[in-house]
Amino acid sequence: MASSDEWFGPVQAEVGPDGAVWIADWYNFIIQHNVFVPAQSPAEFIIPFKEQPHGPGNAFSSPMRDLSHGRVYRVIYKNGKKNTALKLSKENLPGLVAALENDNMFWRMTAQRLLVESGKLSVVPDLYKIINNPKVDEIGLNSPAVHALWTLHGLGVLDGSNAEALQIVNKALSHPAAGVRKAAASVLPKNEQSFGSLQQLMKDPNLNTRLAAFVALIELPASEKIGEAVYQAALDEQNAKDGWLSKALLAAAITHEKGFLAAAEKQSLKSTFSEKIVSALQKEVYLLGRRNTMQFPPDVTGKEITIKASVTKAKDKPLQGFIAGQGGKDGGYALYIQNGKLIMDVKQHGVVSQAATSEPLPEKFDVVAALFKTGKISIKIDGKQVAEGKAHMLFAAPLSGSVRSGEDVEGEDKIGSYEGKFGFAGNFQKLTLELNRPDNSKPEITEEKPAKPKAASSGNATVIELKVVPEMLQFNKKLIQVKAGQKVVINLENPDGMQHNFLLIKPGSLQKVGKAADEMLSDPKASEKQYVPQIAEVLFSTKLVNSGETVTLEFTVPTTPGDYPYVCTFPGHWRGMNGILRVTK
């Protein structure tokens, strides 16, 4: 649906109880959230005033924004049959069961909800009949059976105690309709006994159903038998090539790690994908930004912890602040610089163990800080051991706090003895967190081979601090001047409420890159590609930077002088959110 009326703003569409499609239209003169930006749309050309106050959620507050009205469209099929509205009630259980077989999902969902809310188990035999019906419609669906399965689940019948209900669900795992098999996999009890039922779906020809089986395995208790089956599934090339199936198998391998690794060790059959999972289980590597927080923190139980980074002193400030850490008041670890010392803290059982340097820190250096299986805390600078400490052991349980970099949290969950968030003053790049499950059959290696000579350090690079201007769709710098062939590090900070990225592109290519960015809106995988067009005009780019995060981009400036545009290609941003990197000899 489209309209030439610029106030038109459809925001939701659903099939209603009458079978028509109902569309909610925001219909407003001011649809945008943010204020008008001079570089893009000068306010005086659009609205009869310049004042642009901010309201709730930092939205542009204006009397011309209609907060009371909208439009609703009802779209009907002229040759369609007239539908009579049903009158459903929790007191009329036969009517609710019959409505589960209605051809309109509105009524099926309503009936399912009312049956679950009623809590009446007398309908269970009728649900069995619907589930046992093997018929499918002209497009291979049996929607009533799907709703009946989820109704059983909602009524609490599938907790593992009802043998007849489990028998019905197990039979549904072989239903001709893939959607029914998928629902059956999802509603099975989350216990070890369900694995025998799910195993048949791990090779289901319908990949959505197969995915449901893999996801269900993730929620089952850790089992060596399941781990072995997941390993076998990882050998299937079809699973390895599918983005969703491969991710689900990785998650299942993490849950059933012991069995997966045992199968990998004893079986001669291997694949590139299975070896990748083995590597990921034995050594997890997380790339951390200049200032961000991991949404889902990793489990450090029984794992060695290593933090690596390249650190550079700012020109006008001493090195100081939080680099990276995880945990809270009940335990955790952190790497930070305080009073000229590089420190790694490990908090366990209410006791803080520490390794701290004693010599002055270089202005540029690479650091490797680690907690080993013996409890040894180690700090190395440029490959040289500079500090050691001794903790009790590796962590014996997951940590409650998140992984964060660039600044700690405030209050009792901060790791070190410093004030506030202790934001980092200076620059660090290539920050990684590595978690390694040690091989307890081998002794710890205490002596290492001499480090190989390193290439020139990125610490020689010119560091440019670039920032998104909140609510303006602008970078805070429109012109950056650099020398040809120079090493550059750009720290992009995003205090805005939206995601942004940074692309450096070839001279004169802004329109072409912008057009390619617009065309990505039809690509279902655009967000996975970070909204970066895959064309030769893009020289360097960052990932999407979330609100409150900072990302680092390191590159060597092109040797050809000229004006190289930089731009954000998040949908709709490129026309105004750009600048020039001027390269001179």
Protein backbone atom coordinates (compact mmCIF):
# COMPACT_ATOMS: atom_id res chain seq x y z
CA MET A 1 0.00 0.00 0.00
CA ALA A 2 1.33 3.43 -0.92
CA SER A 3 0.02 7.00 -1.05
CA SER A 4 0.99 10.32 -2.63
CA ASP A 5 -0.23 12.02 0.56
CA GLU A 6 2.95 12.85 2.52
CA TRP A 7 1.05 12.71 5.80
CA PHE A 8 0.32 9.01 5.21
CA GLY A 9 2.10 6.80 7.76
CA PRO A 10 0.80 3.20 8.05
CA VAL A 11 2.15 1.63 11.23
CA GLN A 12 0.24 -1.65 11.68
CA ALA A 13 -1.89 -4.09 9.69
CA GLU A 14 -3.86 -7.10 10.93
CA VAL A 15 -6.62 -9.38 9.76
CA GLY A 16 -9.67 -8.50 11.83
CA PRO A 17 -12.53 -10.66 13.12
CA ASP A 18 -14.45 -10.00 9.88
CA GLY A 19 -11.66 -11.33 7.67
CA ALA A 20 -10.77 -7.86 6.34
CA VAL A 21 -7.32 -6.30 6.64
CA TRP A 22 -7.37 -3.41 9.11
CA ILE A 23 -4.62 -0.81 8.74
CA ALA A 24 -3.70 1.84 11.31
CA ASP A 25 -2.46 5.06 9.71
CA TRP A 26 -0.58 7.50 11.96
CA TYR A 27 -1.49 10.27 9.48
CA ASN A 28 0.45 13.27 10.74
CA PHE A 29 2.10 16.39 9.38
CA ILE A 30 5.15 15.73 11.61
CA ILE A 31 6.07 12.07 11.49
CA GLN A 32 9.77 12.30 12.35
CA HIS A 33 11.04 11.88 15.91
CA ASN A 34 13.95 14.33 15.83
CA VAL A 35 14.12 18.06 15.26
CA PHE A 36 14.75 19.53 11.81
CA VAL A 37 18.47 19.73 11.04
CA PRO A 38 19.73 22.85 9.22
CA ALA A 39 22.10 20.91 6.96
CA GLN A 40 19.21 18.73 5.76
CA SER A 41 15.86 20.43 6.26
CA PRO A 42 16.05 24.01 7.61
CA ALA A 43 13.08 24.44 9.94
CA GLU A 44 12.12 27.84 8.52
CA PHE A 45 11.43 26.26 5.11
CA ILE A 46 9.01 23.73 6.59
CA ILE A 47 7.36 25.09 9.73
CA PRO A 48 6.35 28.67 10.59
CA PHE A 49 8.64 28.92 13.62
CA LYS A 50 12.24 28.15 14.57
CA GLU A 51 11.77 27.00 18.15
CA GLN A 52 12.05 23.22 18.40
CA PRO A 53 11.59 22.17 22.04
CA HIS A 54 12.09 18.57 23.13
CA GLY A 55 9.38 16.55 24.81
CA PRO A 56 9.15 13.03 26.28
CA GLY A 57 11.72 10.66 24.83
CA ASN A 58 13.59 13.68 23.44
CA ALA A 59 11.03 13.89 20.63
CA PHE A 60 10.48 17.14 18.78
CA SER A 61 7.57 18.81 20.58
CA SER A 62 5.32 20.88 18.34
CA PRO A 63 1.68 22.05 18.35
CA MET A 64 1.60 20.90 14.72
CA ARG A 65 2.09 17.29 15.79
CA ASP A 66 -1.38 15.73 16.05
CA LEU A 67 -1.49 13.59 19.19
CA SER A 68 -5.21 12.81 19.10
CA HIS A 69 -6.16 11.62 15.63
CA GLY A 70 -5.24 9.02 13.05
CA ARG A 71 -6.92 6.96 10.37
CA VAL A 72 -8.04 3.35 10.16
CA TYR A 73 -8.54 1.66 6.80
CA ARG A 74 -10.55 -1.52 6.30
CA VAL A 75 -9.44 -3.35 3.17
CA ILE A 76 -11.85 -6.00 1.89
CA TYR A 77 -11.93 -8.50 -0.94
CA LYS A 78 -14.96 -7.55 -3.04
CA ASN A 79 -15.70 -11.12 -4.03
CA GLY A 80 -15.12 -12.53 -0.56
CA LYS A 81 -17.81 -14.16 1.51
CA LYS A 82 -19.40 -12.23 4.34
CA ASN A 83 -18.15 -13.34 7.75
CA THR A 84 -20.40 -13.52 10.78
CA ALA A 85 -18.82 -12.45 14.05
CA LEU A 86 -18.50 -15.19 16.66
CA LYS A 87 -19.57 -14.84 20.27
CA LEU A 88 -16.94 -16.66 22.31
CA SER A 89 -17.16 -17.24 26.04
CA LYS A 90 -15.21 -19.21 28.65
CA GLU A 91 -18.55 -20.68 29.65
CA ASN A 92 -19.07 -22.19 26.20
CA LEU A 93 -16.19 -24.66 25.92
CA PRO A 94 -17.54 -26.51 22.83
CA GLY A 95 -17.76 -23.16 21.05
CA LEU A 96 -14.15 -22.38 21.93
CA VAL A 97 -12.94 -25.77 20.72
CA ALA A 98 -14.86 -25.30 17.45
CA ALA A 99 -13.32 -21.82 17.04
CA LEU A 100 -9.83 -23.39 17.09
CA GLU A 101 -10.71 -24.71 13.62
CA ASN A 102 -11.93 -21.37 12.25
CA ASP A 103 -10.22 -20.23 9.03
CA ASN A 104 -9.50 -16.79 10.59
CA MET A 105 -6.48 -16.69 12.91
CA PHE A 106 -8.08 -13.89 14.95
CA TRP A 107 -10.74 -16.30 16.18
CA ARG A 108 -8.31 -19.20 16.59
CA MET A 109 -5.99 -17.07 18.76
CA THR A 110 -8.92 -15.69 20.76
CA ALA A 111 -10.26 -19.19 21.38
CA GLN A 112 -6.83 -20.46 22.40
CA ARG A 113 -6.44 -17.60 24.87
CA LEU A 114 -9.87 -18.11 26.42
CA LEU A 115 -9.34 -21.87 26.75
CA VAL A 116 -6.03 -21.35 28.54
CA GLU A 117 -7.53 -18.67 30.78
CA SER A 118 -10.44 -20.97 31.65
CA GLY A 119 -8.08 -23.63 33.01
CA LYS A 120 -10.73 -26.27 32.20
CA LEU A 121 -9.02 -29.62 31.53
CA SER A 122 -12.26 -31.16 30.30
CA VAL A 123 -11.41 -29.89 26.80
CA VAL A 124 -8.18 -31.92 26.64
CA PRO A 125 -9.73 -34.96 24.81
CA ASP A 126 -11.16 -32.59 22.17
CA LEU A 127 -7.71 -31.06 21.71
CA TYR A 128 -6.28 -34.55 21.20
CA LYS A 129 -8.75 -35.12 18.35
CA ILE A 130 -7.71 -31.90 16.60
CA ILE A 131 -4.01 -32.74 16.94
CA ASN A 132 -4.53 -36.30 15.67
CA ASN A 133 -6.22 -35.06 12.47
CA PRO A 134 -3.58 -35.61 9.73
CA LYS A 135 -5.22 -33.43 7.09
CA VAL A 136 -3.42 -30.44 5.56
CA ASP A 137 -4.82 -27.60 3.46
CA GLU A 138 -3.83 -26.59 -0.06
CA ILE A 139 -0.58 -24.99 1.18
CA GLY A 140 0.40 -27.77 3.55
CA LEU A 141 -0.89 -26.30 6.82
CA ASN A 142 -2.97 -27.62 9.68
CA SER A 143 -3.31 -24.50 11.81
CA PRO A 144 -5.94 -25.90 14.22
CA ALA A 145 -3.51 -28.61 15.35
CA VAL A 146 -0.85 -25.96 16.04
CA HIS A 147 -3.27 -23.99 18.24
CA ALA A 148 -4.41 -27.17 19.99
CA LEU A 149 -0.80 -28.07 20.87
CA TRP A 150 -0.13 -24.64 22.35
CA THR A 151 -3.44 -24.79 24.22
CA LEU A 152 -2.32 -28.06 25.84
CA HIS A 153 0.92 -26.33 26.77
CA GLY A 154 -0.91 -23.31 28.21
CA LEU A 155 -3.16 -25.55 30.30
CA GLY A 156 -0.08 -27.08 31.92
CA VAL A 157 -0.77 -30.58 30.63
CA LEU A 158 2.69 -30.95 29.08
CA ASP A 159 4.77 -30.82 32.25
CA GLY A 160 5.80 -34.45 31.82
CA SER A 161 3.27 -35.97 34.24
CA ASN A 162 0.51 -36.76 31.72
CA ALA A 163 1.53 -39.84 29.73
CA GLU A 164 -1.38 -39.64 27.29
CA ALA A 165 -0.67 -35.98 26.46
CA LEU A 166 2.99 -36.81 25.81
CA GLN A 167 1.94 -39.66 23.54
CA ILE A 168 -0.22 -37.26 21.51
CA VAL A 169 2.62 -34.75 21.15
CA ASN A 170 5.10 -37.46 20.21
CA LYS A 171 2.72 -38.60 17.47
CA ALA A 172 2.47 -34.98 16.27
CA LEU A 173 6.23 -34.99 15.69
CA SER A 174 5.45 -37.11 12.60
CA HIS A 175 2.50 -35.00 11.39
CA PRO A 176 2.37 -34.29 7.61
CA ALA A 177 2.26 -30.52 8.32
CA ALA A 178 5.69 -29.09 9.10
CA GLY A 179 4.14 -26.39 11.30
CA VAL A 180 2.57 -29.03 13.53
CA ARG A 181 5.89 -30.87 13.89
CA LYS A 182 7.56 -27.56 14.74
CA ALA A 183 4.96 -26.72 17.41
CA ALA A 184 5.22 -30.23 18.88
CA ALA A 185 9.01 -29.82 19.23
CA SER A 186 8.53 -26.50 21.01
CA VAL A 187 5.94 -27.67 23.56
CA LEU A 188 7.69 -30.85 24.71
CA PRO A 189 8.78 -30.81 28.38
CA LYS A 190 12.28 -29.44 28.91
CA ASN A 191 13.63 -32.64 30.41
CA GLU A 192 16.10 -35.31 29.39
CA GLN A 193 13.37 -37.71 28.26
CA SER A 194 12.34 -35.32 25.46
CA PHE A 195 15.60 -35.86 23.62
CA GLY A 196 14.51 -39.25 22.32
CA SER A 197 11.47 -37.59 20.75
CA LEU A 198 13.34 -34.61 19.33
CA GLN A 199 16.09 -36.68 17.77
CA GLN A 200 13.92 -37.63 14.78
CA LEU A 201 13.48 -33.93 13.89
CA MET A 202 17.21 -33.18 13.77
CA LYS A 203 17.11 -34.24 10.11
CA ASP A 204 13.64 -32.94 9.30
CA PRO A 205 13.36 -31.85 5.63
CA ASN A 206 11.66 -28.62 6.73
CA LEU A 207 14.44 -26.39 8.04
CA ASN A 208 12.17 -24.31 10.29
CA THR A 209 11.09 -27.51 12.02
CA ARG A 210 14.70 -28.65 12.27
CA LEU A 211 15.58 -25.28 13.80
CA ALA A 212 12.82 -25.70 16.41
CA ALA A 213 14.35 -29.06 17.38
CA PHE A 214 17.83 -27.56 17.75
CA VAL A 215 16.46 -24.69 19.86
CA ALA A 216 14.58 -27.16 22.07
CA LEU A 217 17.86 -29.05 22.66
CA ILE A 218 19.42 -25.85 24.01
CA GLU A 219 16.85 -25.80 26.82
CA LEU A 220 17.32 -29.43 27.88
CA PRO A 221 19.62 -30.35 30.80
CA ALA A 222 23.28 -30.85 29.84
CA SER A 223 23.77 -34.35 28.46
CA GLU A 224 26.71 -36.16 26.88
CA LYS A 225 24.31 -38.10 24.66
CA ILE A 226 22.75 -34.90 23.34
CA GLY A 227 26.22 -33.38 22.86
CA GLU A 228 27.18 -36.33 20.66
CA ALA A 229 24.01 -35.90 18.57
CA VAL A 230 24.72 -32.18 18.17
CA TYR A 231 28.21 -33.07 16.96
CA GLN A 232 26.73 -35.37 14.31
CA ALA A 233 24.38 -32.58 13.21
CA ALA A 234 27.39 -30.24 12.88
CA LEU A 235 28.82 -32.59 10.24
CA ASP A 236 25.80 -31.94 7.98
CA GLU A 237 26.82 -29.36 5.38
CA GLN A 238 23.25 -28.08 5.07
CA ASN A 239 23.21 -27.19 8.78
CA ALA A 240 26.65 -25.58 8.54
CA LYS A 241 25.69 -23.33 5.61
CA ASP A 242 22.39 -22.12 7.07
CA GLY A 243 22.85 -19.01 9.22
CA TRP A 244 20.12 -19.89 11.73
CA LEU A 245 20.75 -23.62 11.99
CA SER A 246 24.49 -23.10 12.52
CA LYS A 247 23.88 -20.57 15.30
CA ALA A 248 21.40 -22.87 17.01
CA LEU A 249 23.86 -25.77 16.85
CA LEU A 250 26.60 -23.61 18.37
CA ALA A 251 24.25 -22.66 21.22
CA ALA A 252 23.30 -26.34 21.70
CA ALA A 253 26.98 -27.32 21.71
CA ILE A 254 27.62 -24.76 24.46
CA THR A 255 24.82 -26.29 26.58
CA HIS A 256 26.02 -29.86 25.95
CA GLU A 257 29.72 -28.98 25.75
CA LYS A 258 31.14 -32.05 27.47
CA GLY A 259 29.41 -34.50 25.14
CA PHE A 260 30.21 -32.45 22.05
CA LEU A 261 33.93 -32.26 22.83
CA ALA A 262 34.05 -35.96 23.72
CA ALA A 263 32.46 -36.85 20.39
CA ALA A 264 34.87 -34.56 18.53
CA GLU A 265 37.82 -36.27 20.19
CA LYS A 266 36.82 -39.87 19.60
CA GLN A 267 35.26 -39.63 16.13
CA SER A 268 37.33 -39.58 12.96
CA LEU A 269 34.64 -37.76 10.98
CA LYS A 270 35.10 -34.01 11.13
CA SER A 271 33.98 -30.94 9.20
CA THR A 272 35.11 -27.35 8.97
CA PHE A 273 32.02 -26.32 10.94
CA SER A 274 32.46 -28.92 13.69
CA GLU A 275 36.09 -27.85 14.10
CA LYS A 276 35.01 -24.21 14.38
CA ILE A 277 32.63 -25.12 17.19
CA VAL A 278 35.36 -27.12 18.95
CA SER A 279 37.67 -24.11 18.69
CA ALA A 280 34.95 -21.78 19.98
CA LEU A 281 34.23 -24.03 22.97
CA GLN A 282 37.89 -24.36 23.91
CA LYS A 283 38.78 -20.72 23.38
CA GLU A 284 36.19 -17.99 23.29
CA VAL A 285 37.31 -14.64 21.88
CA TYR A 286 35.21 -11.50 22.31
CA LEU A 287 36.04 -8.21 20.58
CA LEU A 288 35.31 -5.29 22.90
CA GLY A 289 34.74 -1.71 21.81
CA ARG A 290 36.14 1.52 23.14
CA ARG A 291 33.21 1.88 25.52
CA ASN A 292 30.46 -0.69 25.57
CA THR A 293 28.67 -3.40 27.54
CA MET A 294 28.01 -6.96 26.38
CA GLN A 295 24.30 -7.74 26.47
CA PHE A 296 24.83 -11.40 27.35
CA PRO A 297 27.98 -11.94 29.44
CA PRO A 298 29.92 -15.17 28.88
CA ASP A 299 30.27 -17.86 31.53
CA VAL A 300 33.79 -17.81 33.01
CA THR A 301 33.35 -20.94 35.13
CA GLY A 302 36.55 -23.00 35.08
CA LYS A 303 38.10 -20.89 32.34
CA GLU A 304 41.36 -18.97 32.09
CA ILE A 305 40.80 -15.27 31.42
CA THR A 306 42.98 -13.12 29.17
CA ILE A 307 42.56 -9.43 28.34
CA LYS A 308 44.60 -7.96 25.49
CA ALA A 309 44.80 -4.36 24.28
CA SER A 310 47.04 -1.76 22.61
CA VAL A 311 47.18 1.32 24.85
CA THR A 312 48.23 4.86 23.92
CA LYS A 313 48.58 7.89 26.19
CA ALA A 314 46.64 11.03 25.32
CA LYS A 315 48.71 14.14 24.60
CA ASP A 316 47.43 16.24 27.48
CA LYS A 317 46.33 13.68 30.09
CA PRO A 318 48.03 10.95 32.12
CA LEU A 319 47.02 7.37 31.41
CA GLN A 320 44.24 6.42 33.78
CA GLY A 321 40.95 4.59 33.93
CA PHE A 322 39.07 1.35 33.48
CA ILE A 323 39.99 -0.81 30.48
CA ALA A 324 37.83 -3.94 30.81
CA GLY A 325 36.23 -6.22 33.37
CA GLN A 326 33.26 -8.33 34.39
CA GLY A 327 31.30 -9.10 37.54
CA GLY A 328 30.03 -7.24 40.55
CA LYS A 329 30.02 -7.15 44.34
CA ASP A 330 30.02 -10.96 44.66
CA GLY A 331 33.02 -11.49 42.40
CA GLY A 332 34.69 -10.36 39.23
CA TYR A 333 37.87 -9.19 37.52
CA ALA A 334 39.10 -5.92 36.02
CA LEU A 335 42.07 -4.39 34.23
CA TYR A 336 42.67 -0.68 34.81
CA ILE A 337 45.31 2.03 35.23
CA GLN A 338 45.42 4.00 38.49
CA ASN A 339 48.10 6.33 39.82
CA GLY A 340 50.48 5.35 37.04
CA LYS A 341 50.12 1.60 37.71
CA LEU A 342 48.58 -1.03 35.44
CA ILE A 343 46.46 -3.25 37.70
CA MET A 344 44.52 -6.48 37.34
CA ASP A 345 42.09 -7.24 40.17
CA VAL A 346 40.45 -10.61 40.79
CA LYS A 347 37.65 -10.58 43.39
CA GLN A 348 36.70 -13.99 44.80
CA HIS A 349 34.94 -14.95 48.05
CA GLY A 350 35.04 -11.34 49.26
CA VAL A 351 38.83 -11.10 48.80
CA VAL A 352 40.54 -9.01 46.10
CA SER A 353 43.79 -10.43 44.70
CA GLN A 354 45.91 -8.13 42.60
CA ALA A 355 48.83 -7.82 40.21
CA ALA A 356 50.16 -4.28 39.80
CA THR A 357 53.10 -2.81 37.92
CA SER A 358 55.77 -0.83 39.76
CA GLU A 359 57.72 0.82 36.92
CA PRO A 360 56.53 3.86 34.92
CA LEU A 361 54.28 2.90 32.00
CA PRO A 362 55.35 3.61 28.39
CA GLU A 363 53.28 6.09 26.40
CA LYS A 364 52.39 3.30 23.96
CA PHE A 365 52.31 -0.39 24.73
CA ASP A 366 50.57 -3.72 24.18
CA VAL A 367 49.24 -5.39 27.30
CA VAL A 368 48.30 -9.01 28.01
CA ALA A 369 46.73 -9.59 31.43
CA ALA A 370 45.63 -13.06 32.46
CA LEU A 371 44.28 -15.32 35.20
CA PHE A 372 45.66 -18.88 34.82
CA LYS A 373 44.33 -22.21 36.10
CA THR A 374 46.77 -22.18 39.04
CA GLY A 375 45.32 -18.85 40.21
CA LYS A 376 48.35 -16.93 38.95
CA ILE A 377 47.61 -13.35 37.82
CA SER A 378 49.98 -12.11 35.14
CA ILE A 379 50.54 -8.77 33.39
CA LYS A 380 52.85 -8.45 30.39
CA ILE A 381 53.76 -5.25 28.57
CA ASP A 382 55.16 -5.61 25.05
CA GLY A 383 55.79 -9.30 25.76
CA LYS A 384 57.73 -8.69 29.00
CA GLN A 385 56.47 -9.90 32.39
CA VAL A 386 55.96 -6.79 34.55
CA ALA A 387 53.64 -7.92 37.36
CA GLU A 388 52.33 -11.06 39.04
CA GLY A 389 49.79 -11.89 41.71
CA LYS A 390 48.01 -14.90 43.13
CA ALA A 391 44.26 -15.49 43.27
CA HIS A 392 42.58 -18.45 44.91
CA MET A 393 41.68 -20.26 41.67
CA LEU A 394 39.66 -19.89 38.49
CA PHE A 395 36.07 -18.79 39.00
CA ALA A 396 33.92 -21.70 40.12
CA ALA A 397 30.58 -20.17 39.12
CA PRO A 398 29.22 -17.68 36.56
CA LEU A 399 29.64 -13.98 37.34
CA SER A 400 26.52 -11.90 37.87
CA GLY A 401 27.71 -8.66 36.24
CA SER A 402 28.18 -7.79 32.59
CA VAL A 403 31.39 -7.46 30.59
CA ARG A 404 32.16 -3.77 30.11
CA SER A 405 34.97 -1.75 28.58
CA GLY A 406 36.08 1.87 28.79
CA GLU A 407 34.29 2.50 32.08
CA ASP A 408 33.09 0.50 35.06
CA VAL A 409 29.70 0.64 36.74
CA GLU A 410 29.04 2.82 39.76
CA GLY A 411 28.16 1.66 43.26
CA GLU A 412 28.92 -1.61 45.00
CA ASP A 413 29.26 -3.59 41.76
CA LYS A 414 32.39 -1.77 40.59
CA ILE A 415 35.46 -3.99 40.77
CA GLY A 416 38.34 -1.69 41.78
CA SER A 417 38.84 0.88 44.53
CA TYR A 418 38.28 4.02 42.49
CA GLU A 419 35.65 6.72 42.28
CA GLY A 420 32.63 6.46 39.99
CA LYS A 421 32.79 4.76 36.60
CA PHE A 422 36.50 5.60 36.25
CA GLY A 423 36.25 6.26 32.50
CA PHE A 424 39.45 5.63 30.55
CA ALA A 425 41.59 8.69 29.74
CA GLY A 426 43.74 7.92 26.71
CA ASN A 427 43.18 5.49 23.91
CA PHE A 428 43.11 1.73 23.56
CA GLN A 429 42.56 -0.42 20.49
CA LYS A 430 42.23 -4.09 19.60
CA LEU A 431 40.70 -4.87 22.99
CA THR A 432 39.78 -8.55 23.33
CA LEU A 433 38.59 -10.87 26.07
CA GLU A 434 39.66 -14.50 25.73
CA LEU A 435 38.24 -17.37 27.77
CA ASN A 436 40.17 -20.62 27.53
CA ARG A 437 39.16 -23.95 29.02
CA PRO A 438 42.53 -25.31 30.20
CA ASP A 439 43.69 -28.85 29.45
CA ASN A 440 44.12 -30.23 32.94
CA SER A 441 46.06 -33.21 31.62
CA LYS A 442 48.95 -30.93 30.73
CA PRO A 443 51.14 -28.89 33.10
CA GLU A 444 51.03 -25.12 32.87
CA ILE A 445 53.74 -23.71 30.63
CA THR A 446 55.58 -21.11 32.64
CA GLU A 447 58.33 -20.26 30.18
CA GLU A 448 57.57 -18.91 26.77
CA LYS A 449 59.62 -18.57 23.64
CA PRO A 450 61.12 -15.14 23.05
CA ALA A 451 58.67 -12.87 21.31
CA LYS A 452 59.22 -12.38 17.60
CA PRO A 453 60.09 -8.88 16.44
CA LYS A 454 56.87 -6.94 15.97
CA ALA A 455 55.81 -4.77 13.11
CA ALA A 456 55.52 -1.07 13.74
CA SER A 457 52.97 -0.50 16.49
CA SER A 458 49.64 1.12 15.75
CA GLY A 459 50.51 3.39 18.64
CA ASN A 460 52.25 5.63 16.08
CA ALA A 461 48.88 6.44 14.56
CA THR A 462 47.13 9.80 14.77
CA VAL A 463 44.07 9.41 17.01
CA ILE A 464 40.92 11.29 15.96
CA GLU A 465 38.01 11.58 18.36
CA LEU A 466 34.76 11.71 16.38
CA LYS A 467 31.33 11.98 17.96
CA VAL A 468 27.71 11.73 16.86
CA VAL A 469 25.75 14.89 17.67
CA PRO A 470 22.69 13.68 19.62
CA GLU A 471 19.34 14.00 17.81
CA MET A 472 20.88 15.91 14.88
CA LEU A 473 21.98 13.15 12.48
CA GLN A 474 25.37 14.81 12.26
CA PHE A 475 29.01 14.06 13.08
CA ASN A 476 30.62 16.70 15.30
CA LYS A 477 33.34 17.26 12.69
CA LYS A 478 32.61 18.13 9.06
CA LEU A 479 36.28 18.28 8.00
CA ILE A 480 39.24 16.18 9.13
CA GLN A 481 42.70 16.82 7.66
CA VAL A 482 45.36 14.09 7.48
CA LYS A 483 48.54 13.26 5.58
CA ALA A 484 48.70 10.73 2.74
CA GLY A 485 49.90 7.31 3.90
CA GLN A 486 49.48 8.22 7.56
CA LYS A 487 48.18 5.72 10.12
CA VAL A 488 44.91 6.90 11.63
CA VAL A 489 42.73 5.67 14.48
CA ILE A 490 39.19 7.03 14.64
CA ASN A 491 37.26 6.59 17.90
CA LEU A 492 33.58 7.04 17.03
CA GLU A 493 31.44 7.74 20.10
CA ASN A 494 27.67 7.44 19.79
CA PRO A 495 25.69 9.27 22.52
CA ASP A 496 22.64 9.38 20.23
CA GLY A 497 19.52 7.26 20.67
CA MET A 498 19.95 5.53 17.30
CA GLN A 499 22.56 3.25 15.77
CA HIS A 500 25.18 4.75 13.45
CA ASN A 501 28.19 3.58 11.46
CA PHE A 502 31.18 5.19 9.76
CA LEU A 503 32.31 4.58 6.19
CA LEU A 504 35.29 6.16 4.46
CA ILE A 505 34.64 6.16 0.72
CA LYS A 506 36.35 7.16 -2.52
CA PRO A 507 36.31 10.82 -3.65
CA GLY A 508 33.16 11.79 -5.54
CA SER A 509 31.30 8.59 -4.65
CA LEU A 510 28.86 9.88 -2.02
CA GLN A 511 25.79 9.69 -4.28
CA LYS A 512 26.66 6.19 -5.53
CA VAL A 513 27.29 4.86 -2.02
CA GLY A 514 24.14 6.58 -0.76
CA LYS A 515 22.06 5.01 -3.53
CA ALA A 516 23.53 1.59 -2.69
CA ALA A 517 22.68 2.21 0.99
CA ASP A 518 19.06 3.02 0.08
CA GLU A 519 18.83 -0.17 -1.98
CA MET A 520 19.90 -2.23 1.04
CA LEU A 521 16.48 -1.60 2.57
CA SER A 522 15.17 -4.43 0.38
CA ASP A 523 17.89 -6.79 1.63
CA PRO A 524 16.63 -8.92 4.57
CA LYS A 525 20.24 -9.33 5.73
CA ALA A 526 21.08 -5.61 5.61
CA SER A 527 21.44 -5.30 9.38
CA GLU A 528 23.77 -8.32 9.46
CA LYS A 529 25.89 -6.47 6.89
CA GLN A 530 25.92 -3.45 9.24
CA TYR A 531 24.19 -1.43 6.47
CA VAL A 532 27.53 -1.20 4.67
CA PRO A 533 27.12 -1.47 0.84
CA GLN A 534 29.33 -4.20 -0.61
CA ILE A 535 30.84 -2.06 -3.38
CA ALA A 536 34.40 -1.03 -4.30
CA GLU A 537 33.79 2.61 -3.41
CA VAL A 538 33.74 1.74 0.30
CA LEU A 539 37.34 1.83 1.55
CA PHE A 540 36.95 1.30 5.32
CA SER A 541 33.96 0.88 7.62
CA THR A 542 32.90 0.18 11.19
CA LYS A 543 30.13 -2.02 12.51
CA LEU A 544 26.88 -0.44 13.68
CA VAL A 545 27.53 1.43 16.92
CA ASN A 546 24.77 1.16 19.51
CA SER A 547 23.63 4.03 21.67
CA GLY A 548 26.19 4.76 24.38
CA GLU A 549 28.96 2.76 22.71
CA THR A 550 32.28 3.75 21.14
CA VAL A 551 33.95 1.88 18.27
CA THR A 552 37.52 2.13 16.99
CA LEU A 553 38.54 2.06 13.32
CA GLU A 554 42.22 1.82 12.43
CA PHE A 555 43.46 2.27 8.85
CA THR A 556 46.21 3.72 6.68
CA VAL A 557 45.23 6.88 4.81
CA PRO A 558 45.22 6.49 0.99
CA THR A 559 48.39 7.72 -0.70
CA THR A 560 46.49 9.77 -3.29
CA PRO A 561 45.59 13.30 -2.06
CA GLY A 562 41.98 14.39 -2.30
CA ASP A 563 38.68 14.84 -0.45
CA TYR A 564 37.46 11.45 0.81
CA PRO A 565 33.89 11.59 2.11
CA TYR A 566 32.97 9.82 5.32
CA VAL A 567 29.35 8.93 5.90
CA CYS A 568 26.83 7.05 8.04
CA THR A 569 24.77 4.62 5.93
CA PHE A 570 22.22 3.61 8.55
CA PRO A 571 18.87 3.86 6.67
CA GLY A 572 18.07 7.47 5.78
CA HIS A 573 21.18 9.02 7.34
CA TRP A 574 23.67 9.41 4.49
CA ARG A 575 22.26 12.58 2.93
CA GLY A 576 23.07 14.73 5.94
CA MET A 577 25.37 12.68 8.13
CA ASN A 578 28.64 13.01 6.26
CA GLY A 579 31.91 14.91 6.21
CA ILE A 580 35.26 15.14 4.42
CA LEU A 581 38.58 13.49 5.24
CA ARG A 582 40.98 15.80 3.38
CA VAL A 583 44.18 13.99 2.40
CA THR A 584 47.22 16.14 1.63
CA LYS A 585 50.85 15.32 0.81
